Amino acid sequence: MNTFGNNFRITTFGESHGPAVGVVIDGCPAGMALSAIDIQPLLDRRRPGTSPVSSPRKESDKVEILSGIFEGKTTGTPIALMVRNENQQSKDYEDLREKFRPGHADFTYQEKYGIRDHRGGGRSSGRETLSRVAAGAVAMKCLAERGITITGTIREVHGKINPVEMENEILAAKATGDSVGGIVQVTATGCPVGLGDPVFGKLDALIAGAMMGIGAVKGVEIGDGFTAARKFGSENNDQMTADGFSSNHAGGILGGISSGQDIIVRIAVKPTPSIAKIQQTRDIYGNVVDISVGGRHDPCIVPRIVPVAEAMLALVLIDCVLEQEKYR
């Protein structure tokens, strides 16, 4: 499945080591001012090769708008966005042609399709998220015009919550050929009451599905999340006063519908599976072999996943906003 959304639909395309990656957006409202300037900053935050704690792969990640814009405004027709891959080094992956990388989708792709792109994982590569970020930037522009803003932050890396300690933890893992994960929080402010639908269209369910659709994400919390399981109802309920809610343990969603409070989402990001440390795996013939993954990889994907999580929350919310606007 390469298409996401109903009212604001996106279809992503491209592979990590192909000529380009991109997205086609269908359903973006007409008449909105839009240019590369609105999209590029988010892509720059996701871009590799910008710090010692990210992959050294050098990509400019400059977005090209191919359609859907006339005289600086959206026309209501499909918007095609593309970013060309410029710094692929496919030779780094030749040793992986017949080996399955632990923690990756290599084995499951091979079993499901009978074929896989061993060069960085093809569609299962983290580079696929670039397309989501480009579409998310457009969604954020739509949301901003409706008073809704989205921000993301790193809550912890490998259990460390101090920024200096986080960086040191990443660099220490990198020095030993290993990797670390962490937790990211994304918050939407300014959401109106009423987004989402009961039962199977719940807003929190849609958000959870969107976040779990990010390759490195292994867990999602809305509001207090798992902490709520250790509370009394009297502690967890968001009591109401004449001025509104006195707390926000629910994370801005009640009964699957937005309450008007901040929507708060946290995601658990696994350690990058591509590591230099020697591990045991199987090859395509069933033989048990050792593997050390070379190439250029992030020792921690957490910093670069923040704009991806922001984009996915934006895509869910704009879809729900446009659904709600149908009935006005």
C-alpha atoms as a PDB file:
ATOM      1  CA  MET A   1       0.000   0.000   0.000  1.00  0.00           C
ATOM      2  CA  ASN A   2       1.649   3.221  -1.174  1.00  0.00           C
ATOM      3  CA  THR A   3      -1.369   5.534  -0.808  1.00  0.00           C
ATOM      4  CA  PHE A   4      -2.435   7.207   2.433  1.00  0.00           C
ATOM      5  CA  GLY A   5      -5.524   9.283   3.248  1.00  0.00           C
ATOM      6  CA  ASN A   6      -9.009   9.777   1.865  1.00  0.00           C
ATOM      7  CA  ASN A   7      -9.669  13.490   1.348  1.00  0.00           C
ATOM      8  CA  PHE A   8      -6.010  14.537   1.228  1.00  0.00           C
ATOM      9  CA  ARG A   9      -4.530  11.517  -0.510  1.00  0.00           C
ATOM     10  CA  ILE A  10      -0.839  10.947  -1.018  1.00  0.00           C
ATOM     11  CA  THR A  11       0.907   8.313  -3.098  1.00  0.00           C
ATOM     12  CA  THR A  12       4.647   7.968  -2.572  1.00  0.00           C
ATOM     13  CA  PHE A  13       7.139   6.486  -5.019  1.00  0.00           C
ATOM     14  CA  GLY A  14      10.821   5.733  -5.447  1.00  0.00           C
ATOM     15  CA  GLU A  15      13.589   3.715  -3.819  1.00  0.00           C
ATOM     16  CA  SER A  16      16.637   4.566  -1.760  1.00  0.00           C
ATOM     17  CA  HIS A  17      19.041   3.865  -4.624  1.00  0.00           C
ATOM     18  CA  GLY A  18      16.767   4.699  -7.548  1.00  0.00           C
ATOM     19  CA  PRO A  19      16.929   7.953  -9.542  1.00  0.00           C
ATOM     20  CA  ALA A  20      14.421   9.818  -7.360  1.00  0.00           C
ATOM     21  CA  VAL A  21      11.784   9.666  -4.648  1.00  0.00           C
ATOM     22  CA  GLY A  22       8.594  11.665  -4.512  1.00  0.00           C
ATOM     23  CA  VAL A  23       4.900  11.978  -3.854  1.00  0.00           C
ATOM     24  CA  VAL A  24       1.663  12.838  -5.639  1.00  0.00           C
ATOM     25  CA  ILE A  25      -0.902  14.703  -3.531  1.00  0.00           C
ATOM     26  CA  ASP A  26      -4.531  14.563  -4.580  1.00  0.00           C
ATOM     27  CA  GLY A  27      -7.195  16.581  -2.780  1.00  0.00           C
ATOM     28  CA  CYS A  28      -5.233  19.631  -1.700  1.00  0.00           C
ATOM     29  CA  PRO A  29      -7.666  22.581  -1.665  1.00  0.00           C
ATOM     30  CA  ALA A  30      -7.332  25.079  -4.506  1.00  0.00           C
ATOM     31  CA  GLY A  31      -6.199  28.664  -4.074  1.00  0.00           C
ATOM     32  CA  MET A  32      -3.536  28.140  -1.406  1.00  0.00           C
ATOM     33  CA  ALA A  33      -0.215  29.883  -1.957  1.00  0.00           C
ATOM     34  CA  LEU A  34       2.476  27.225  -2.228  1.00  0.00           C
ATOM     35  CA  SER A  35       6.091  27.084  -3.360  1.00  0.00           C
ATOM     36  CA  ALA A  36       9.252  25.125  -2.667  1.00  0.00           C
ATOM     37  CA  ILE A  37       9.981  27.572   0.156  1.00  0.00           C
ATOM     38  CA  ASP A  38       7.070  26.070   2.098  1.00  0.00           C
ATOM     39  CA  ILE A  39       8.390  22.518   1.673  1.00  0.00           C
ATOM     40  CA  GLN A  40      12.187  22.746   1.744  1.00  0.00           C
ATOM     41  CA  PRO A  41      12.697  23.632   5.455  1.00  0.00           C
ATOM     42  CA  LEU A  42      11.032  20.411   6.604  1.00  0.00           C
ATOM     43  CA  LEU A  43      13.065  18.378   4.119  1.00  0.00           C
ATOM     44  CA  ASP A  44      16.249  20.060   5.348  1.00  0.00           C
ATOM     45  CA  ARG A  45      15.491  18.933   8.902  1.00  0.00           C
ATOM     46  CA  ARG A  46      15.170  15.327   7.691  1.00  0.00           C
ATOM     47  CA  ARG A  47      18.176  15.523   5.367  1.00  0.00           C
ATOM     48  CA  PRO A  48      21.159  13.233   6.038  1.00  0.00           C
ATOM     49  CA  GLY A  49      24.767  14.335   6.400  1.00  0.00           C
ATOM     50  CA  THR A  50      24.109  17.409   8.527  1.00  0.00           C
ATOM     51  CA  SER A  51      25.742  16.362  11.823  1.00  0.00           C
ATOM     52  CA  PRO A  52      28.071  13.783  13.399  1.00  0.00           C
ATOM     53  CA  VAL A  53      25.032  11.903  14.768  1.00  0.00           C
ATOM     54  CA  SER A  54      23.418  11.297  11.363  1.00  0.00           C
ATOM     55  CA  SER A  55      24.234   9.314   8.241  1.00  0.00           C
ATOM     56  CA  PRO A  56      27.134  10.847   6.265  1.00  0.00           C
ATOM     57  CA  ARG A  57      25.238  10.334   2.995  1.00  0.00           C
ATOM     58  CA  LYS A  58      25.326  13.732   1.276  1.00  0.00           C
ATOM     59  CA  GLU A  59      22.054  14.718  -0.374  1.00  0.00           C
ATOM     60  CA  SER A  60      20.806  18.219  -1.179  1.00  0.00           C
ATOM     61  CA  ASP A  61      17.200  16.944  -1.110  1.00  0.00           C
ATOM     62  CA  LYS A  62      15.978  19.880  -3.187  1.00  0.00           C
ATOM     63  CA  VAL A  63      12.302  19.525  -3.949  1.00  0.00           C
ATOM     64  CA  GLU A  64      10.921  19.994  -7.458  1.00  0.00           C
ATOM     65  CA  ILE A  65       7.241  20.861  -7.926  1.00  0.00           C
ATOM     66  CA  LEU A  66       6.122  19.222 -11.154  1.00  0.00           C
ATOM     67  CA  SER A  67       2.388  19.951 -11.225  1.00  0.00           C
ATOM     68  CA  GLY A  68      -0.629  21.335  -9.415  1.00  0.00           C
ATOM     69  CA  ILE A  69       0.617  24.916  -9.015  1.00  0.00           C
ATOM     70  CA  PHE A  70      -0.292  27.887 -11.239  1.00  0.00           C
ATOM     71  CA  GLU A  71       0.970  31.404 -10.605  1.00  0.00           C
ATOM     72  CA  GLY A  72       2.056  30.393  -7.121  1.00  0.00           C
ATOM     73  CA  LYS A  73      -1.233  28.855  -5.989  1.00  0.00           C
ATOM     74  CA  THR A  74      -2.654  25.358  -5.814  1.00  0.00           C
ATOM     75  CA  THR A  75      -5.161  24.545  -8.546  1.00  0.00           C
ATOM     76  CA  GLY A  76      -6.961  21.663  -6.849  1.00  0.00           C
ATOM     77  CA  THR A  77      -5.359  19.181  -9.250  1.00  0.00           C
ATOM     78  CA  PRO A  78      -2.692  16.609  -8.268  1.00  0.00           C
ATOM     79  CA  ILE A  79       0.514  18.106  -6.892  1.00  0.00           C
ATOM     80  CA  ALA A  80       3.600  16.095  -7.859  1.00  0.00           C
ATOM     81  CA  LEU A  81       6.743  16.624  -5.772  1.00  0.00           C
ATOM     82  CA  MET A  82      10.074  14.986  -6.564  1.00  0.00           C
ATOM     83  CA  VAL A  83      13.548  14.867  -5.023  1.00  0.00           C
ATOM     84  CA  ARG A  84      16.397  13.358  -7.004  1.00  0.00           C
ATOM     85  CA  ASN A  85      18.839  10.941  -5.371  1.00  0.00           C
ATOM     86  CA  GLU A  86      22.347  12.290  -5.914  1.00  0.00           C
ATOM     87  CA  ASN A  87      24.710  10.363  -3.654  1.00  0.00           C
ATOM     88  CA  GLN A  88      23.825   6.677  -3.852  1.00  0.00           C
ATOM     89  CA  GLN A  89      26.688   4.235  -3.281  1.00  0.00           C
ATOM     90  CA  SER A  90      25.073   0.951  -4.259  1.00  0.00           C
ATOM     91  CA  LYS A  91      28.404  -0.894  -4.240  1.00  0.00           C
ATOM     92  CA  ASP A  92      28.377  -0.656  -0.429  1.00  0.00           C
ATOM     93  CA  TYR A  93      25.475  -3.115  -0.403  1.00  0.00           C
ATOM     94  CA  GLU A  94      26.832  -5.776  -2.752  1.00  0.00           C
ATOM     95  CA  ASP A  95      27.796  -8.016   0.186  1.00  0.00           C
ATOM     96  CA  LEU A  96      24.129  -7.956   1.265  1.00  0.00           C
ATOM     97  CA  ARG A  97      22.736  -9.318  -1.994  1.00  0.00           C
ATOM     98  CA  GLU A  98      22.482 -12.814  -0.513  1.00  0.00           C
ATOM     99  CA  LYS A  99      22.286 -11.975   3.217  1.00  0.00           C
ATOM    100  CA  PHE A 100      19.355 -10.843   5.341  1.00  0.00           C
ATOM    101  CA  ARG A 101      20.173  -7.933   7.640  1.00  0.00           C
ATOM    102  CA  PRO A 102      18.930  -8.532  11.213  1.00  0.00           C
ATOM    103  CA  GLY A 103      16.179  -6.105  12.215  1.00  0.00           C
ATOM    104  CA  HIS A 104      15.435  -5.160   8.606  1.00  0.00           C
ATOM    105  CA  ALA A 105      12.661  -6.052   6.174  1.00  0.00           C
ATOM    106  CA  ASP A 106      15.016  -8.055   3.945  1.00  0.00           C
ATOM    107  CA  PHE A 107      13.693 -11.467   4.989  1.00  0.00           C
ATOM    108  CA  THR A 108      10.002 -10.574   4.962  1.00  0.00           C
ATOM    109  CA  TYR A 109      10.192  -8.772   1.596  1.00  0.00           C
ATOM    110  CA  GLN A 110      11.974 -11.766   0.069  1.00  0.00           C
ATOM    111  CA  GLU A 111       9.414 -14.201   1.463  1.00  0.00           C
ATOM    112  CA  LYS A 112       6.414 -12.086   0.443  1.00  0.00           C
ATOM    113  CA  TYR A 113       7.458 -10.969  -3.038  1.00  0.00           C
ATOM    114  CA  GLY A 114      10.185 -13.435  -4.035  1.00  0.00           C
ATOM    115  CA  ILE A 115      12.395 -10.465  -4.896  1.00  0.00           C
ATOM    116  CA  ARG A 116      13.939  -7.560  -3.017  1.00  0.00           C
ATOM    117  CA  ASP A 117      16.132  -4.556  -3.625  1.00  0.00           C
ATOM    118  CA  HIS A 118      19.218  -5.194  -1.491  1.00  0.00           C
ATOM    119  CA  ARG A 119      20.561  -1.681  -2.143  1.00  0.00           C
ATOM    120  CA  GLY A 120      19.578   0.028   1.087  1.00  0.00           C
ATOM    121  CA  GLY A 121      16.323  -1.889   1.284  1.00  0.00           C
ATOM    122  CA  GLY A 122      14.533  -0.189  -1.612  1.00  0.00           C
ATOM    123  CA  ARG A 123      11.072   0.879  -0.451  1.00  0.00           C
ATOM    124  CA  SER A 124      11.765  -0.287   3.108  1.00  0.00           C
ATOM    125  CA  SER A 125      14.608   2.231   3.403  1.00  0.00           C
ATOM    126  CA  GLY A 126      14.240   5.235   5.653  1.00  0.00           C
ATOM    127  CA  ARG A 127      14.733   7.394   2.563  1.00  0.00           C
ATOM    128  CA  GLU A 128      11.118   6.645   1.654  1.00  0.00           C
ATOM    129  CA  THR A 129      10.106   8.963   4.507  1.00  0.00           C
ATOM    130  CA  LEU A 130      11.313  11.938   2.469  1.00  0.00           C
ATOM    131  CA  SER A 131       8.140  11.676   0.381  1.00  0.00           C
ATOM    132  CA  ARG A 132       5.975  11.749   3.509  1.00  0.00           C
ATOM    133  CA  VAL A 133       7.791  14.827   4.785  1.00  0.00           C
ATOM    134  CA  ALA A 134       7.274  16.676   1.496  1.00  0.00           C
ATOM    135  CA  ALA A 135       3.545  15.899   1.562  1.00  0.00           C
ATOM    136  CA  GLY A 136       3.392  16.708   5.263  1.00  0.00           C
ATOM    137  CA  ALA A 137       4.813  20.162   4.598  1.00  0.00           C
ATOM    138  CA  VAL A 138       1.908  20.875   2.247  1.00  0.00           C
ATOM    139  CA  ALA A 139      -0.530  19.506   4.833  1.00  0.00           C
ATOM    140  CA  MET A 140       1.001  21.764   7.490  1.00  0.00           C
ATOM    141  CA  LYS A 141       0.486  24.781   5.236  1.00  0.00           C
ATOM    142  CA  CYS A 142      -3.198  23.828   4.894  1.00  0.00           C
ATOM    143  CA  LEU A 143      -3.493  23.355   8.663  1.00  0.00           C
ATOM    144  CA  ALA A 144      -1.717  26.625   9.464  1.00  0.00           C
ATOM    145  CA  GLU A 145      -4.331  28.507   7.438  1.00  0.00           C
ATOM    146  CA  ARG A 146      -6.875  26.977   9.820  1.00  0.00           C
ATOM    147  CA  GLY A 147      -4.941  27.912  12.958  1.00  0.00           C
ATOM    148  CA  ILE A 148      -3.453  24.465  13.606  1.00  0.00           C
ATOM    149  CA  THR A 149       0.284  24.074  14.248  1.00  0.00           C
ATOM    150  CA  ILE A 150       2.412  20.976  14.791  1.00  0.00           C
ATOM    151  CA  THR A 151       5.706  20.721  16.652  1.00  0.00           C
ATOM    152  CA  GLY A 152       7.933  17.780  17.507  1.00  0.00           C
ATOM    153  CA  THR A 153      10.670  17.266  20.076  1.00  0.00           C
ATOM    154  CA  ILE A 154      13.036  14.546  21.251  1.00  0.00           C
ATOM    155  CA  ARG A 155      12.034  13.303  24.700  1.00  0.00           C
ATOM    156  CA  GLU A 156      14.887  10.850  25.220  1.00  0.00           C
ATOM    157  CA  VAL A 157      17.665   8.911  23.525  1.00  0.00           C
ATOM    158  CA  HIS A 158      18.596   5.516  24.976  1.00  0.00           C
ATOM    159  CA  GLY A 159      17.143   6.583  28.314  1.00  0.00           C
ATOM    160  CA  LYS A 160      18.978   9.932  28.419  1.00  0.00           C
ATOM    161  CA  ILE A 161      16.918  13.129  28.617  1.00  0.00           C
ATOM    162  CA  ASN A 162      19.646  15.790  28.728  1.00  0.00           C
ATOM    163  CA  PRO A 163      20.587  17.013  25.208  1.00  0.00           C
ATOM    164  CA  VAL A 164      24.323  16.751  25.871  1.00  0.00           C
ATOM    165  CA  GLU A 165      23.925  13.255  27.281  1.00  0.00           C
ATOM    166  CA  MET A 166      21.765  12.292  24.303  1.00  0.00           C
ATOM    167  CA  GLU A 167      24.474  13.310  21.840  1.00  0.00           C
ATOM    168  CA  ASN A 168      27.190  11.590  23.865  1.00  0.00           C
ATOM    169  CA  GLU A 169      25.100   8.399  23.945  1.00  0.00           C
ATOM    170  CA  ILE A 170      24.737   8.447  20.151  1.00  0.00           C
ATOM    171  CA  LEU A 171      28.431   9.106  19.564  1.00  0.00           C
ATOM    172  CA  ALA A 172      29.422   6.355  22.005  1.00  0.00           C
ATOM    173  CA  ALA A 173      27.223   3.856  20.151  1.00  0.00           C
ATOM    174  CA  LYS A 174      28.639   5.011  16.832  1.00  0.00           C
ATOM    175  CA  ALA A 175      32.196   4.512  18.077  1.00  0.00           C
ATOM    176  CA  THR A 176      31.479   0.856  18.876  1.00  0.00           C
ATOM    177  CA  GLY A 177      29.649   0.142  15.606  1.00  0.00           C
ATOM    178  CA  ASP A 178      26.289   0.059  17.358  1.00  0.00           C
ATOM    179  CA  SER A 179      23.133   2.211  17.432  1.00  0.00           C
ATOM    180  CA  VAL A 180      20.507   3.543  19.841  1.00  0.00           C
ATOM    181  CA  GLY A 181      16.822   4.502  19.741  1.00  0.00           C
ATOM    182  CA  GLY A 182      14.629   6.886  21.703  1.00  0.00           C
ATOM    183  CA  ILE A 183      11.294   8.613  22.153  1.00  0.00           C
ATOM    184  CA  VAL A 184       9.823  11.518  20.155  1.00  0.00           C
ATOM    185  CA  GLN A 185       6.802  13.626  21.100  1.00  0.00           C
ATOM    186  CA  VAL A 186       4.614  15.434  18.565  1.00  0.00           C
ATOM    187  CA  THR A 187       2.010  18.007  19.570  1.00  0.00           C
ATOM    188  CA  ALA A 188      -0.782  19.606  17.537  1.00  0.00           C
ATOM    189  CA  THR A 189      -2.098  22.914  18.865  1.00  0.00           C
ATOM    190  CA  GLY A 190      -5.219  24.755  17.760  1.00  0.00           C
ATOM    191  CA  CYS A 191      -7.257  21.719  16.696  1.00  0.00           C
ATOM    192  CA  PRO A 192     -11.003  22.317  16.794  1.00  0.00           C
ATOM    193  CA  VAL A 193     -13.392  20.073  18.666  1.00  0.00           C
ATOM    194  CA  GLY A 194     -14.906  17.301  16.547  1.00  0.00           C
ATOM    195  CA  LEU A 195     -12.137  15.838  14.402  1.00  0.00           C
ATOM    196  CA  GLY A 196     -12.378  12.075  14.006  1.00  0.00           C
ATOM    197  CA  ASP A 197     -15.324   9.702  13.891  1.00  0.00           C
ATOM    198  CA  PRO A 198     -16.706   7.175  16.376  1.00  0.00           C
ATOM    199  CA  VAL A 199     -15.956   3.451  16.418  1.00  0.00           C
ATOM    200  CA  PHE A 200     -13.665   2.614  13.464  1.00  0.00           C
ATOM    201  CA  GLY A 201     -12.728   6.143  12.419  1.00  0.00           C
ATOM    202  CA  LYS A 202     -11.364   7.276  15.770  1.00  0.00           C
ATOM    203  CA  LEU A 203      -8.798  10.040  15.564  1.00  0.00           C
ATOM    204  CA  ASP A 204      -6.413   8.335  17.983  1.00  0.00           C
ATOM    205  CA  ALA A 205      -6.653   5.096  15.986  1.00  0.00           C
ATOM    206  CA  LEU A 206      -5.860   6.958  12.759  1.00  0.00           C
ATOM    207  CA  ILE A 207      -2.888   8.674  14.395  1.00  0.00           C
ATOM    208  CA  ALA A 208      -1.594   5.418  15.856  1.00  0.00           C
ATOM    209  CA  GLY A 209      -1.818   3.724  12.458  1.00  0.00           C
ATOM    210  CA  ALA A 210      -0.013   6.602  10.771  1.00  0.00           C
ATOM    211  CA  MET A 211       2.812   6.599  13.305  1.00  0.00           C
ATOM    212  CA  MET A 212       3.211   2.817  13.216  1.00  0.00           C
ATOM    213  CA  GLY A 213       3.489   3.152   9.446  1.00  0.00           C
ATOM    214  CA  ILE A 214       6.885   4.794   9.966  1.00  0.00           C
ATOM    215  CA  GLY A 215       9.441   2.017   9.578  1.00  0.00           C
ATOM    216  CA  ALA A 216      11.434   2.621  12.761  1.00  0.00           C
ATOM    217  CA  VAL A 217       8.452   3.098  15.096  1.00  0.00           C
ATOM    218  CA  LYS A 218       7.585   0.238  17.462  1.00  0.00           C
ATOM    219  CA  GLY A 219       5.150   1.893  19.867  1.00  0.00           C
ATOM    220  CA  VAL A 220       2.687   4.809  20.116  1.00  0.00           C
ATOM    221  CA  GLU A 221       1.174   6.650  23.077  1.00  0.00           C
ATOM    222  CA  ILE A 222      -1.651   9.197  23.009  1.00  0.00           C
ATOM    223  CA  GLY A 223      -1.726  11.503  26.021  1.00  0.00           C
ATOM    224  CA  ASP A 224      -0.503   9.679  29.120  1.00  0.00           C
ATOM    225  CA  GLY A 225      -0.527   6.403  27.219  1.00  0.00           C
ATOM    226  CA  PHE A 226       0.833   3.470  29.190  1.00  0.00           C
ATOM    227  CA  THR A 227       1.151   5.624  32.304  1.00  0.00           C
ATOM    228  CA  ALA A 228      -2.664   5.666  32.471  1.00  0.00           C
ATOM    229  CA  ALA A 229      -2.607   1.930  33.169  1.00  0.00           C
ATOM    230  CA  ARG A 230      -0.980   2.660  36.533  1.00  0.00           C
ATOM    231  CA  LYS A 231      -3.478   5.332  37.657  1.00  0.00           C
ATOM    232  CA  PHE A 232      -6.842   5.473  39.372  1.00  0.00           C
ATOM    233  CA  GLY A 233      -9.744   6.761  37.313  1.00  0.00           C
ATOM    234  CA  SER A 234      -9.906   9.783  39.594  1.00  0.00           C
ATOM    235  CA  GLU A 235      -6.297  10.576  38.662  1.00  0.00           C
ATOM    236  CA  ASN A 236      -6.613   9.918  34.944  1.00  0.00           C
ATOM    237  CA  ASN A 237      -9.922  11.662  34.160  1.00  0.00           C
ATOM    238  CA  ASP A 238      -9.646  15.192  32.779  1.00  0.00           C
ATOM    239  CA  GLN A 239     -12.111  17.040  34.971  1.00  0.00           C
ATOM    240  CA  MET A 240     -13.975  20.015  33.559  1.00  0.00           C
ATOM    241  CA  THR A 241     -14.372  23.479  34.995  1.00  0.00           C
ATOM    242  CA  ALA A 242     -16.151  26.605  33.833  1.00  0.00           C
ATOM    243  CA  ASP A 243     -12.968  27.474  31.935  1.00  0.00           C
ATOM    244  CA  GLY A 244     -12.605  24.064  30.273  1.00  0.00           C
ATOM    245  CA  PHE A 245     -10.508  21.007  31.100  1.00  0.00           C
ATOM    246  CA  SER A 246      -8.293  21.102  34.173  1.00  0.00           C
ATOM    247  CA  SER A 247      -5.781  18.609  32.699  1.00  0.00           C
ATOM    248  CA  ASN A 248      -4.989  16.758  29.483  1.00  0.00           C
ATOM    249  CA  HIS A 249      -4.230  13.141  30.355  1.00  0.00           C
ATOM    250  CA  ALA A 250      -6.274  12.033  27.324  1.00  0.00           C
ATOM    251  CA  GLY A 251      -3.972  13.839  24.906  1.00  0.00           C
ATOM    252  CA  GLY A 252      -6.696  15.930  23.323  1.00  0.00           C
ATOM    253  CA  ILE A 253      -8.895  13.028  22.195  1.00  0.00           C
ATOM    254  CA  LEU A 254     -12.035  11.671  23.878  1.00  0.00           C
ATOM    255  CA  GLY A 255     -14.076   8.854  22.370  1.00  0.00           C
ATOM    256  CA  GLY A 256     -11.950   9.059  19.245  1.00  0.00           C
ATOM    257  CA  ILE A 257     -12.898  12.729  18.695  1.00  0.00           C
ATOM    258  CA  SER A 258     -10.705  15.782  19.283  1.00  0.00           C
ATOM    259  CA  SER A 259     -11.593  17.750  22.412  1.00  0.00           C
ATOM    260  CA  GLY A 260     -10.034  21.065  21.388  1.00  0.00           C
ATOM    261  CA  GLN A 261      -7.030  20.554  23.652  1.00  0.00           C
ATOM    262  CA  ASP A 262      -3.503  19.921  22.405  1.00  0.00           C
ATOM    263  CA  ILE A 263      -3.172  16.537  20.719  1.00  0.00           C
ATOM    264  CA  ILE A 264      -0.123  14.862  22.251  1.00  0.00           C
ATOM    265  CA  VAL A 265       1.532  11.828  20.657  1.00  0.00           C
ATOM    266  CA  ARG A 266       4.696   9.968  21.630  1.00  0.00           C
ATOM    267  CA  ILE A 267       6.451   7.338  19.550  1.00  0.00           C
ATOM    268  CA  ALA A 268       9.065   4.738  20.473  1.00  0.00           C
ATOM    269  CA  VAL A 269      11.840   4.646  17.868  1.00  0.00           C
ATOM    270  CA  LYS A 270      13.957   1.504  17.639  1.00  0.00           C
ATOM    271  CA  PRO A 271      17.757   1.531  17.269  1.00  0.00           C
ATOM    272  CA  THR A 272      18.898   1.687  13.656  1.00  0.00           C
ATOM    273  CA  PRO A 273      19.246  -1.973  12.588  1.00  0.00           C
ATOM    274  CA  SER A 274      22.132  -1.357  10.163  1.00  0.00           C
ATOM    275  CA  ILE A 275      25.181  -1.652  12.420  1.00  0.00           C
ATOM    276  CA  ALA A 276      28.834  -2.558  11.910  1.00  0.00           C
ATOM    277  CA  LYS A 277      28.918  -4.960  14.853  1.00  0.00           C
ATOM    278  CA  ILE A 278      29.141  -8.577  13.744  1.00  0.00           C
ATOM    279  CA  GLN A 279      25.798 -10.361  14.081  1.00  0.00           C
ATOM    280  CA  GLN A 280      24.437 -13.755  13.091  1.00  0.00           C
ATOM    281  CA  THR A 281      21.930 -14.115  10.267  1.00  0.00           C
ATOM    282  CA  ARG A 282      20.912 -16.339   7.358  1.00  0.00           C
ATOM    283  CA  ASP A 283      21.585 -16.074   3.663  1.00  0.00           C
ATOM    284  CA  ILE A 284      19.054 -16.714   0.902  1.00  0.00           C
ATOM    285  CA  TYR A 285      20.119 -20.369   0.779  1.00  0.00           C
ATOM    286  CA  GLY A 286      19.319 -20.959   4.456  1.00  0.00           C
ATOM    287  CA  ASN A 287      22.910 -20.994   5.661  1.00  0.00           C
ATOM    288  CA  VAL A 288      23.767 -19.361   8.985  1.00  0.00           C
ATOM    289  CA  VAL A 289      26.381 -16.653   8.371  1.00  0.00           C
ATOM    290  CA  ASP A 290      27.941 -13.647  10.082  1.00  0.00           C
ATOM    291  CA  ILE A 291      27.167 -10.148   8.918  1.00  0.00           C
ATOM    292  CA  SER A 292      28.570  -6.662   9.461  1.00  0.00           C
ATOM    293  CA  VAL A 293      26.588  -3.957   7.695  1.00  0.00           C
ATOM    294  CA  GLY A 294      28.831  -1.429   5.985  1.00  0.00           C
ATOM    295  CA  GLY A 295      27.810   1.741   4.192  1.00  0.00           C
ATOM    296  CA  ARG A 296      26.519   5.001   5.619  1.00  0.00           C
ATOM    297  CA  HIS A 297      23.930   4.709   8.364  1.00  0.00           C
ATOM    298  CA  ASP A 298      22.529   6.756  11.233  1.00  0.00           C
ATOM    299  CA  PRO A 299      23.786   5.629  14.649  1.00  0.00           C
ATOM    300  CA  CYS A 300      20.453   7.009  15.868  1.00  0.00           C
ATOM    301  CA  ILE A 301      17.464   7.800  13.663  1.00  0.00           C
ATOM    302  CA  VAL A 302      15.646   9.750  16.382  1.00  0.00           C
ATOM    303  CA  PRO A 303      16.747  13.311  15.404  1.00  0.00           C
ATOM    304  CA  ARG A 304      15.809  12.809  11.752  1.00  0.00           C
ATOM    305  CA  ILE A 305      12.496  11.106  12.511  1.00  0.00           C
ATOM    306  CA  VAL A 306      11.042  14.178  14.243  1.00  0.00           C
ATOM    307  CA  PRO A 307       9.930  15.896  10.993  1.00  0.00           C
ATOM    308  CA  VAL A 308       8.614  12.544   9.732  1.00  0.00           C
ATOM    309  CA  ALA A 309       6.369  12.190  12.789  1.00  0.00           C
ATOM    310  CA  GLU A 310       5.232  15.802  12.420  1.00  0.00           C
ATOM    311  CA  ALA A 311       4.377  15.110   8.780  1.00  0.00           C
ATOM    312  CA  MET A 312       2.343  11.998   9.564  1.00  0.00           C
ATOM    313  CA  LEU A 313       0.340  13.800  12.252  1.00  0.00           C
ATOM    314  CA  ALA A 314      -0.286  16.645   9.802  1.00  0.00           C
ATOM    315  CA  LEU A 315      -1.508  14.221   7.129  1.00  0.00           C
ATOM    316  CA  VAL A 316      -3.987  12.609   9.511  1.00  0.00           C
ATOM    317  CA  LEU A 317      -5.294  15.942  10.775  1.00  0.00           C
ATOM    318  CA  ILE A 318      -5.737  17.591   7.375  1.00  0.00           C
ATOM    319  CA  ASP A 319      -7.629  14.514   6.204  1.00  0.00           C
ATOM    320  CA  CYS A 320      -9.972  14.814   9.198  1.00  0.00           C
ATOM    321  CA  VAL A 321     -10.296  18.584   8.836  1.00  0.00           C
ATOM    322  CA  LEU A 322     -11.344  18.268   5.184  1.00  0.00           C
ATOM    323  CA  GLU A 323     -13.809  15.531   6.139  1.00  0.00           C
ATOM    324  CA  GLN A 324     -15.319  17.817   8.764  1.00  0.00           C
ATOM    325  CA  GLU A 325     -15.525  20.733   6.323  1.00  0.00           C
ATOM    326  CA  LYS A 326     -17.745  18.664   4.016  1.00  0.00           C
ATOM    327  CA  TYR A 327     -20.591  19.115   6.497  1.00  0.00           C
ATOM    328  CA  ARG A 328     -20.321  22.849   6.998  1.00  0.00           C
END
